[in-house]
Protein backbone atom coordinates (compact mmCIF):
# COMPACT_ATOMS: atom_id res chain seq x y z
CA MET A 1 -28.01 -19.11 -21.23
CA GLY A 2 -29.37 -19.23 -24.78
CA LEU A 3 -32.44 -20.96 -26.08
CA GLY A 4 -30.59 -23.47 -28.20
CA ARG A 5 -31.51 -24.44 -31.72
CA ILE A 6 -34.77 -26.20 -30.79
CA GLY A 7 -35.87 -23.23 -28.69
CA ILE A 8 -35.19 -20.81 -31.52
CA TYR A 9 -37.20 -22.92 -33.98
CA ALA A 10 -40.03 -23.29 -31.45
CA ARG A 11 -40.11 -19.51 -30.99
CA LEU A 12 -40.21 -18.99 -34.77
CA ILE A 13 -43.05 -21.49 -35.18
CA LEU A 14 -44.96 -19.94 -32.29
CA ALA A 15 -44.55 -16.39 -33.67
CA ILE A 16 -45.84 -17.50 -37.08
CA ALA A 17 -48.67 -19.50 -35.51
CA ILE A 18 -49.81 -16.51 -33.45
CA CYS A 19 -50.11 -14.41 -36.60
CA GLN A 20 -51.83 -17.16 -38.57
CA MET A 21 -54.33 -17.57 -35.72
CA ALA A 22 -55.32 -13.91 -36.16
CA GLY A 23 -56.03 -14.73 -39.79
CA ILE A 24 -58.08 -17.76 -38.81
CA ALA A 25 -60.04 -15.66 -36.32
CA GLY A 26 -60.80 -13.10 -39.01
CA SER A 27 -61.78 -15.79 -41.50
CA ILE A 28 -64.56 -16.95 -39.16
CA PHE A 29 -66.38 -13.76 -40.17
CA THR A 30 -65.01 -13.43 -43.69
CA ALA A 31 -65.60 -16.90 -45.17
CA PRO A 32 -69.38 -17.03 -44.75
CA ALA A 33 -69.82 -13.48 -46.08
CA ILE A 34 -67.80 -13.92 -49.29
CA PRO A 35 -70.31 -16.03 -51.26
CA THR A 36 -73.32 -14.17 -49.87
CA TRP A 37 -73.20 -10.55 -48.76
CA TYR A 38 -69.80 -9.65 -50.28
CA ALA A 39 -70.66 -11.30 -53.62
CA ASN A 40 -73.64 -8.99 -53.99
CA LEU A 41 -71.74 -5.76 -53.32
CA ARG A 42 -70.69 -3.43 -56.10
CA LYS A 43 -66.89 -3.30 -56.11
CA PRO A 44 -64.33 -1.13 -57.92
CA ASP A 45 -62.88 -2.48 -61.16
CA ILE A 46 -59.48 -3.04 -59.55
CA SER A 47 -60.84 -5.45 -56.93
CA PRO A 48 -58.77 -8.62 -56.92
CA PRO A 49 -60.56 -11.93 -57.45
CA ASN A 50 -61.86 -13.47 -54.22
CA TRP A 51 -59.48 -16.46 -54.45
CA LEU A 52 -56.47 -14.12 -54.12
CA PHE A 53 -57.27 -12.90 -50.60
CA ALA A 54 -56.58 -16.13 -48.69
CA PRO A 55 -53.10 -16.77 -50.16
CA ALA A 56 -52.18 -13.07 -49.92
CA TRP A 57 -53.14 -12.92 -46.24
CA THR A 58 -51.44 -16.24 -45.50
CA ILE A 59 -48.19 -14.86 -46.89
CA LEU A 60 -48.63 -11.56 -45.04
CA TYR A 61 -49.24 -13.38 -41.73
CA LEU A 62 -46.12 -15.48 -42.40
CA LEU A 63 -44.04 -12.32 -42.92
CA MET A 64 -45.59 -10.78 -39.81
CA GLY A 65 -44.68 -13.89 -37.81
CA ILE A 66 -41.08 -13.78 -38.96
CA SER A 67 -40.96 -10.08 -38.10
CA LEU A 68 -42.35 -10.80 -34.63
CA PHE A 69 -39.79 -13.58 -34.19
CA LEU A 70 -36.90 -11.22 -35.00
CA ILE A 71 -38.07 -8.72 -32.39
CA TRP A 72 -38.84 -11.41 -29.82
CA ASN A 73 -35.31 -12.76 -30.24
CA ALA A 74 -33.92 -9.35 -29.34
CA GLY A 75 -34.96 -10.07 -25.74
CA LEU A 76 -38.22 -9.82 -23.82
CA ASP A 77 -36.27 -8.88 -20.74
CA LYS A 78 -35.83 -5.36 -22.14
CA ALA A 79 -38.60 -2.75 -21.95
CA ALA A 80 -37.43 -1.39 -25.31
CA ILE A 81 -38.43 -4.76 -26.82
CA ARG A 82 -41.63 -5.33 -24.87
CA ARG A 83 -43.23 -2.04 -25.95
CA PRO A 84 -42.91 -2.75 -29.70
CA MET A 85 -44.23 -6.26 -29.11
CA VAL A 86 -47.28 -4.80 -27.35
CA LEU A 87 -47.83 -2.50 -30.35
CA PHE A 88 -47.55 -5.53 -32.60
CA GLY A 89 -50.14 -7.37 -30.52
CA ILE A 90 -52.52 -4.41 -30.66
CA GLN A 91 -52.35 -4.15 -34.44
CA LEU A 92 -52.79 -7.94 -34.77
CA VAL A 93 -55.98 -7.87 -32.70
CA MET A 94 -57.16 -4.82 -34.64
CA ASN A 95 -56.59 -6.77 -37.85
CA ALA A 96 -58.95 -9.55 -36.76
CA ILE A 97 -61.54 -7.04 -35.51
CA TRP A 98 -61.66 -5.39 -38.93
CA SER A 99 -62.92 -8.67 -40.42
CA TYR A 100 -65.66 -8.76 -37.80
CA LEU A 101 -66.69 -5.16 -38.48
CA PHE A 102 -66.59 -5.30 -42.27
CA PHE A 103 -67.73 -8.87 -42.95
CA GLY A 104 -69.35 -9.98 -39.68
CA LEU A 105 -71.40 -6.83 -39.13
CA ARG A 106 -71.50 -6.15 -42.87
CA SER A 107 -70.50 -2.58 -42.24
CA PRO A 108 -68.15 -0.94 -44.75
CA SER A 109 -68.47 2.32 -42.79
CA LEU A 110 -67.24 0.80 -39.50
CA GLY A 111 -64.65 -1.13 -41.50
CA LEU A 112 -63.31 2.06 -43.05
CA ILE A 113 -62.96 3.84 -39.72
CA TRP A 114 -61.28 0.79 -38.21
CA ILE A 115 -58.92 0.17 -41.12
CA ALA A 116 -57.68 3.77 -40.84
CA ALA A 117 -56.85 3.16 -37.18
CA LEU A 118 -55.29 -0.20 -38.11
CA TRP A 119 -53.09 1.53 -40.69
CA VAL A 120 -51.81 3.96 -38.05
CA SER A 121 -51.20 1.07 -35.66
CA ILE A 122 -49.18 -0.83 -38.30
CA ALA A 123 -47.15 2.28 -39.12
CA LEU A 124 -46.37 2.80 -35.43
CA THR A 125 -45.38 -0.86 -35.13
CA ILE A 126 -43.04 -0.56 -38.12
CA ALA A 127 -41.45 2.58 -36.64
CA SER A 128 -40.93 0.85 -33.29
CA PHE A 129 -39.53 -2.29 -34.94
CA LEU A 130 -37.14 -0.20 -37.05
CA ARG A 131 -35.31 0.91 -33.90
CA ILE A 132 -34.58 -2.75 -33.15
CA SER A 133 -34.33 -4.53 -36.51
CA ARG A 134 -34.43 -3.13 -40.01
CA ALA A 135 -35.31 -6.61 -41.31
CA ALA A 136 -38.26 -6.95 -38.91
CA ALA A 137 -39.59 -3.54 -39.92
CA SER A 138 -39.10 -4.28 -43.63
CA LEU A 139 -41.07 -7.51 -43.37
CA LEU A 140 -44.12 -5.46 -42.32
CA ILE A 141 -44.01 -3.12 -45.34
CA PRO A 142 -45.98 -5.48 -47.65
CA TYR A 143 -48.62 -5.72 -44.91
CA LEU A 144 -48.89 -1.94 -44.67
CA LEU A 145 -49.16 -1.68 -48.46
CA TRP A 146 -51.86 -4.37 -48.60
CA VAL A 147 -53.83 -2.68 -45.81
CA THR A 148 -53.52 0.60 -47.72
CA PHE A 149 -55.01 -1.11 -50.77
CA ALA A 150 -57.68 -2.79 -48.61
CA GLY A 151 -58.56 0.61 -47.18
CA TYR A 152 -59.01 1.96 -50.70
CA LEU A 153 -61.24 -1.01 -51.60
CA ASN A 154 -63.20 -0.56 -48.36
CA TYR A 155 -63.76 3.11 -49.20
CA GLN A 156 -64.82 2.35 -52.77
CA ILE A 157 -67.24 -0.35 -51.60
CA LEU A 158 -68.73 2.12 -49.13
CA VAL A 159 -69.20 4.73 -51.86
CA LEU A 160 -70.46 2.33 -54.54
CA ASN A 161 -73.02 0.74 -52.21
CA ALA A 162 -74.30 3.84 -50.42
């Protein structure tokens, strides 16, 4: 028996909400640090303006939620679906923890180590999603690219403020 139209929409909304909640959790540490600690750091010339981060992450979490929804719809009753969803959950938690390490603890060095592990986790998630849905995997590519750029910024901030 299928979920029906309402069930499908509820699942989509829930998948997006889960991802947005990770962003909200991370922003608890990020928002207070932006006008204070982060504002006083030396940053590379290619650093985006601070106002760009919130909309960029909101869009990335939306894409991640849609990606999660596509995998979830493939069936939680199958181990081949549950494993990629666990990987997705791990990288989502790691995403929020990076904000705590970098902004909350004000530690670019811990942030850099963590973002490297996060990058690997995202890549593994994409590879696992690709076996199930090309669309779901593709929706995570902008996220991986943004985290790559964030890793570069993290590294540059570490070097410029050492």
